[in-house]
Amino acid sequence: MREAVTLTCATYAPVRIDLRNVQPMPLDVAGWWLDDQFTQMGCEPLRQTGKLLTADKALVVAQAGGVEKFADAKWALEFARTSRAALGKPWVAVDIVTKTVSQ
């Protein structure tokens, strides 16, 4: 089974973070981490209604983090662990270009 998070962006090659031998993050901790990053980076909800789905939150945090954050191996691993836990799937693909999250 695949256990990874992949990030696709128009400005650089896809980033794949392998999670096969990485300790899972508890769901509550994942939620806190995403909320914290969302707030720290000044992210805004994607939807005009203001409704913020977990997948949307992961997408906008990845978008706001950009290549600079994903170049930091520690941050990238935390993002991957968080996305896997928060979305409840072993494999997650975040595509900033098409604004989609696949599980």
N, C-alpha and C. Protein backbone atom coordinates (compact mmCIF):
# COMPACT_ATOMS: atom_id res chain seq x y z
N MET A 1 0.84 -1.18 0.00
CA MET A 1 0.00 0.00 0.00
C MET A 1 0.88 1.25 0.00
N ARG A 2 0.49 2.23 -0.79
CA ARG A 2 1.22 3.49 -0.82
C ARG A 2 0.95 4.27 0.45
N GLU A 3 2.00 4.81 1.02
CA GLU A 3 1.87 5.70 2.16
C GLU A 3 2.75 6.91 1.86
N ALA A 4 2.12 7.92 1.28
CA ALA A 4 2.89 9.09 0.87
C ALA A 4 1.97 10.27 0.65
N VAL A 5 2.57 11.44 0.67
CA VAL A 5 1.87 12.66 0.29
C VAL A 5 2.67 13.26 -0.87
N THR A 6 1.97 13.61 -1.93
CA THR A 6 2.59 14.20 -3.10
C THR A 6 2.04 15.61 -3.30
N LEU A 7 2.94 16.54 -3.56
CA LEU A 7 2.56 17.92 -3.82
C LEU A 7 2.96 18.28 -5.24
N THR A 8 2.02 18.81 -6.00
CA THR A 8 2.29 19.24 -7.37
C THR A 8 2.06 20.74 -7.47
N CYS A 9 3.04 21.42 -8.06
CA CYS A 9 2.96 22.87 -8.24
C CYS A 9 3.53 23.21 -9.61
N ALA A 10 3.10 24.29 -10.19
CA ALA A 10 3.54 24.67 -11.54
C ALA A 10 5.01 25.08 -11.60
N THR A 11 5.56 25.58 -10.51
CA THR A 11 6.90 26.17 -10.57
C THR A 11 8.05 25.23 -10.24
N TYR A 12 7.76 24.01 -9.80
CA TYR A 12 8.83 23.06 -9.49
C TYR A 12 8.33 21.64 -9.64
N ALA A 13 9.26 20.71 -9.64
CA ALA A 13 8.91 19.29 -9.82
C ALA A 13 8.07 18.80 -8.65
N PRO A 14 7.20 17.82 -8.88
CA PRO A 14 6.39 17.28 -7.79
C PRO A 14 7.26 16.80 -6.63
N VAL A 15 6.76 17.02 -5.43
CA VAL A 15 7.45 16.60 -4.21
C VAL A 15 6.69 15.41 -3.66
N ARG A 16 7.39 14.29 -3.42
CA ARG A 16 6.77 13.10 -2.84
C ARG A 16 7.42 12.84 -1.49
N ILE A 17 6.59 12.77 -0.46
CA ILE A 17 7.08 12.53 0.88
C ILE A 17 6.61 11.14 1.30
N ASP A 18 7.56 10.23 1.42
CA ASP A 18 7.28 8.84 1.75
C ASP A 18 6.98 8.72 3.24
N LEU A 19 5.86 8.07 3.57
CA LEU A 19 5.45 7.94 4.97
C LEU A 19 5.39 6.48 5.43
N ARG A 20 6.00 5.56 4.68
CA ARG A 20 5.91 4.14 5.03
C ARG A 20 6.42 3.82 6.42
N ASN A 21 7.51 4.42 6.84
CA ASN A 21 8.10 4.11 8.14
C ASN A 21 8.01 5.28 9.10
N VAL A 22 6.99 6.09 8.92
CA VAL A 22 6.83 7.29 9.74
C VAL A 22 5.65 7.10 10.69
N GLN A 23 5.88 7.46 11.94
CA GLN A 23 4.85 7.33 12.98
C GLN A 23 3.62 8.17 12.60
N PRO A 24 2.42 7.58 12.62
CA PRO A 24 1.21 8.36 12.34
C PRO A 24 1.00 9.47 13.38
N MET A 25 0.39 10.54 12.94
CA MET A 25 0.07 11.65 13.83
C MET A 25 -1.35 11.47 14.35
N PRO A 26 -1.59 11.69 15.65
CA PRO A 26 -2.96 11.62 16.15
C PRO A 26 -3.85 12.66 15.46
N LEU A 27 -5.10 12.32 15.25
CA LEU A 27 -6.04 13.18 14.53
C LEU A 27 -6.16 14.56 15.17
N ASP A 28 -6.26 14.62 16.49
CA ASP A 28 -6.42 15.93 17.13
C ASP A 28 -5.18 16.81 16.94
N VAL A 29 -4.01 16.21 17.01
CA VAL A 29 -2.77 16.96 16.80
C VAL A 29 -2.70 17.46 15.35
N ALA A 30 -3.12 16.63 14.42
CA ALA A 30 -3.14 17.02 13.00
C ALA A 30 -4.04 18.24 12.80
N GLY A 31 -5.21 18.21 13.42
CA GLY A 31 -6.13 19.34 13.31
C GLY A 31 -5.53 20.62 13.87
N TRP A 32 -4.88 20.50 15.02
CA TRP A 32 -4.25 21.68 15.63
C TRP A 32 -3.14 22.23 14.75
N TRP A 33 -2.32 21.33 14.19
CA TRP A 33 -1.20 21.76 13.36
C TRP A 33 -1.71 22.50 12.12
N LEU A 34 -2.70 21.92 11.45
CA LEU A 34 -3.26 22.58 10.26
C LEU A 34 -3.86 23.94 10.61
N ASP A 35 -4.63 23.99 11.70
CA ASP A 35 -5.22 25.26 12.14
C ASP A 35 -4.15 26.31 12.42
N ASP A 36 -3.09 25.88 13.11
CA ASP A 36 -2.01 26.79 13.46
C ASP A 36 -1.31 27.33 12.20
N GLN A 37 -0.99 26.45 11.27
CA GLN A 37 -0.33 26.88 10.03
C GLN A 37 -1.25 27.78 9.21
N PHE A 38 -2.52 27.44 9.15
CA PHE A 38 -3.51 28.23 8.42
C PHE A 38 -3.53 29.67 8.96
N THR A 39 -3.53 29.79 10.28
CA THR A 39 -3.57 31.10 10.93
C THR A 39 -2.25 31.84 10.77
N GLN A 40 -1.13 31.16 11.04
CA GLN A 40 0.19 31.80 10.94
C GLN A 40 0.48 32.34 9.55
N MET A 41 0.03 31.63 8.53
CA MET A 41 0.31 32.04 7.15
C MET A 41 -0.73 33.01 6.59
N GLY A 42 -1.73 33.34 7.40
CA GLY A 42 -2.75 34.28 6.95
C GLY A 42 -3.61 33.75 5.82
N CYS A 43 -3.87 32.46 5.84
CA CYS A 43 -4.65 31.82 4.77
C CYS A 43 -6.12 32.24 4.85
N GLU A 44 -6.78 32.16 3.72
CA GLU A 44 -8.21 32.47 3.60
C GLU A 44 -8.95 31.25 3.07
N PRO A 45 -10.21 31.05 3.47
CA PRO A 45 -10.99 29.93 2.92
C PRO A 45 -11.11 30.04 1.40
N LEU A 46 -11.15 28.89 0.73
CA LEU A 46 -11.30 28.86 -0.73
C LEU A 46 -12.71 29.19 -1.16
N ARG A 47 -13.67 28.78 -0.37
CA ARG A 47 -15.08 28.90 -0.75
C ARG A 47 -15.65 30.26 -0.33
N GLN A 48 -16.49 30.83 -1.18
CA GLN A 48 -17.09 32.12 -0.88
C GLN A 48 -17.99 32.06 0.34
N THR A 49 -18.51 30.88 0.64
CA THR A 49 -19.38 30.73 1.81
C THR A 49 -18.60 30.82 3.11
N GLY A 50 -17.28 30.69 3.02
CA GLY A 50 -16.45 30.70 4.22
C GLY A 50 -16.29 29.33 4.84
N LYS A 51 -17.02 28.35 4.31
CA LYS A 51 -16.91 26.99 4.83
C LYS A 51 -15.50 26.47 4.53
N LEU A 52 -14.89 25.83 5.52
CA LEU A 52 -13.51 25.38 5.37
C LEU A 52 -13.43 23.88 5.63
N LEU A 53 -13.33 23.12 4.55
CA LEU A 53 -13.16 21.67 4.65
C LEU A 53 -11.70 21.36 4.96
N THR A 54 -11.46 20.21 5.56
CA THR A 54 -10.10 19.82 5.90
C THR A 54 -9.22 19.76 4.66
N ALA A 55 -9.74 19.19 3.58
CA ALA A 55 -8.96 19.12 2.34
C ALA A 55 -8.63 20.52 1.82
N ASP A 56 -9.57 21.45 1.94
CA ASP A 56 -9.32 22.83 1.52
C ASP A 56 -8.21 23.45 2.37
N LYS A 57 -8.25 23.17 3.66
CA LYS A 57 -7.25 23.72 4.57
C LYS A 57 -5.86 23.20 4.20
N ALA A 58 -5.76 21.90 3.93
CA ALA A 58 -4.47 21.32 3.52
C ALA A 58 -3.99 21.97 2.22
N LEU A 59 -4.89 22.19 1.30
CA LEU A 59 -4.54 22.80 0.01
C LEU A 59 -4.02 24.23 0.19
N VAL A 60 -4.73 25.05 0.94
CA VAL A 60 -4.30 26.45 1.07
C VAL A 60 -3.03 26.57 1.91
N VAL A 61 -2.83 25.68 2.88
CA VAL A 61 -1.58 25.70 3.64
C VAL A 61 -0.42 25.32 2.73
N ALA A 62 -0.60 24.30 1.89
CA ALA A 62 0.44 23.91 0.94
C ALA A 62 0.74 25.05 -0.02
N GLN A 63 -0.31 25.70 -0.49
CA GLN A 63 -0.16 26.81 -1.43
C GLN A 63 0.59 27.97 -0.77
N ALA A 64 0.21 28.30 0.45
CA ALA A 64 0.86 29.41 1.16
C ALA A 64 2.31 29.07 1.51
N GLY A 65 2.56 27.81 1.85
CA GLY A 65 3.92 27.39 2.20
C GLY A 65 4.86 27.46 1.02
N GLY A 66 4.36 27.04 -0.13
CA GLY A 66 5.15 27.10 -1.35
C GLY A 66 6.46 26.34 -1.28
N VAL A 67 7.30 26.61 -2.23
CA VAL A 67 8.57 25.90 -2.36
C VAL A 67 9.48 26.13 -1.15
N GLU A 68 9.38 27.29 -0.53
CA GLU A 68 10.23 27.60 0.62
C GLU A 68 9.96 26.65 1.78
N LYS A 69 8.70 26.45 2.11
CA LYS A 69 8.36 25.57 3.22
C LYS A 69 8.66 24.11 2.89
N PHE A 70 8.37 23.69 1.66
CA PHE A 70 8.61 22.30 1.29
C PHE A 70 10.10 21.99 1.13
N ALA A 71 10.93 23.01 1.02
CA ALA A 71 12.38 22.81 1.01
C ALA A 71 12.90 22.48 2.41
N ASP A 72 12.13 22.82 3.42
CA ASP A 72 12.45 22.49 4.82
C ASP A 72 11.93 21.08 5.09
N ALA A 73 12.83 20.12 5.18
CA ALA A 73 12.44 18.70 5.31
C ALA A 73 11.56 18.46 6.54
N LYS A 74 11.84 19.13 7.64
CA LYS A 74 11.05 18.93 8.86
C LYS A 74 9.61 19.42 8.65
N TRP A 75 9.46 20.61 8.08
CA TRP A 75 8.12 21.15 7.84
C TRP A 75 7.37 20.28 6.84
N ALA A 76 8.04 19.87 5.77
CA ALA A 76 7.41 19.04 4.74
C ALA A 76 6.91 17.72 5.33
N LEU A 77 7.71 17.11 6.21
CA LEU A 77 7.30 15.86 6.84
C LEU A 77 6.10 16.09 7.75
N GLU A 78 6.10 17.18 8.51
CA GLU A 78 4.95 17.47 9.37
C GLU A 78 3.70 17.72 8.55
N PHE A 79 3.84 18.43 7.43
CA PHE A 79 2.69 18.64 6.55
C PHE A 79 2.16 17.30 6.06
N ALA A 80 3.05 16.43 5.64
CA ALA A 80 2.64 15.12 5.12
C ALA A 80 1.96 14.29 6.20
N ARG A 81 2.55 14.23 7.38
CA ARG A 81 1.95 13.47 8.49
C ARG A 81 0.57 14.04 8.84
N THR A 82 0.49 15.36 8.86
CA THR A 82 -0.77 16.03 9.19
C THR A 82 -1.84 15.73 8.15
N SER A 83 -1.48 15.85 6.88
CA SER A 83 -2.45 15.60 5.81
C SER A 83 -2.96 14.17 5.85
N ARG A 84 -2.05 13.22 6.04
CA ARG A 84 -2.45 11.82 6.10
C ARG A 84 -3.43 11.60 7.26
N ALA A 85 -3.11 12.14 8.42
CA ALA A 85 -3.97 11.94 9.60
C ALA A 85 -5.30 12.69 9.46
N ALA A 86 -5.24 13.96 9.09
CA ALA A 86 -6.45 14.78 9.02
C ALA A 86 -7.44 14.28 7.98
N LEU A 87 -6.90 13.76 6.87
CA LEU A 87 -7.78 13.27 5.79
C LEU A 87 -8.09 11.79 5.94
N GLY A 88 -7.41 11.12 6.85
CA GLY A 88 -7.71 9.72 7.14
C GLY A 88 -7.37 8.75 6.03
N LYS A 89 -6.38 9.10 5.22
CA LYS A 89 -5.98 8.24 4.10
C LYS A 89 -4.46 8.06 4.11
N PRO A 90 -3.97 6.88 3.71
CA PRO A 90 -2.52 6.67 3.69
C PRO A 90 -1.83 7.39 2.54
N TRP A 91 -2.58 7.72 1.48
CA TRP A 91 -2.01 8.38 0.31
C TRP A 91 -2.83 9.63 0.01
N VAL A 92 -2.14 10.76 -0.13
CA VAL A 92 -2.80 12.03 -0.42
C VAL A 92 -1.99 12.75 -1.50
N ALA A 93 -2.69 13.30 -2.49
CA ALA A 93 -2.04 14.11 -3.53
C ALA A 93 -2.64 15.51 -3.49
N VAL A 94 -1.80 16.50 -3.26
CA VAL A 94 -2.22 17.89 -3.23
C VAL A 94 -1.70 18.55 -4.50
N ASP A 95 -2.61 19.05 -5.31
CA ASP A 95 -2.23 19.69 -6.58
C ASP A 95 -2.62 21.16 -6.50
N ILE A 96 -1.62 22.00 -6.34
CA ILE A 96 -1.86 23.43 -6.21
C ILE A 96 -2.32 24.04 -7.54
N VAL A 97 -1.88 23.48 -8.65
CA VAL A 97 -2.24 24.00 -9.97
C VAL A 97 -3.74 23.87 -10.21
N THR A 98 -4.29 22.68 -9.97
CA THR A 98 -5.71 22.44 -10.22
C THR A 98 -6.58 22.66 -8.98
N LYS A 99 -5.92 23.00 -7.87
CA LYS A 99 -6.60 23.21 -6.59
C LYS A 99 -7.44 22.00 -6.19
N THR A 100 -6.79 20.82 -6.23
CA THR A 100 -7.47 19.59 -5.86
C THR A 100 -6.64 18.81 -4.84
N VAL A 101 -7.37 18.03 -4.05
CA VAL A 101 -6.75 17.10 -3.12
C VAL A 101 -7.37 15.75 -3.41
N SER A 102 -6.54 14.78 -3.77
CA SER A 102 -7.00 13.43 -4.07
C SER A 102 -6.56 12.52 -2.94
N GLN A 103 -7.41 11.54 -2.66
CA GLN A 103 -7.10 10.60 -1.58
C GLN A 103 -7.26 9.18 -2.07
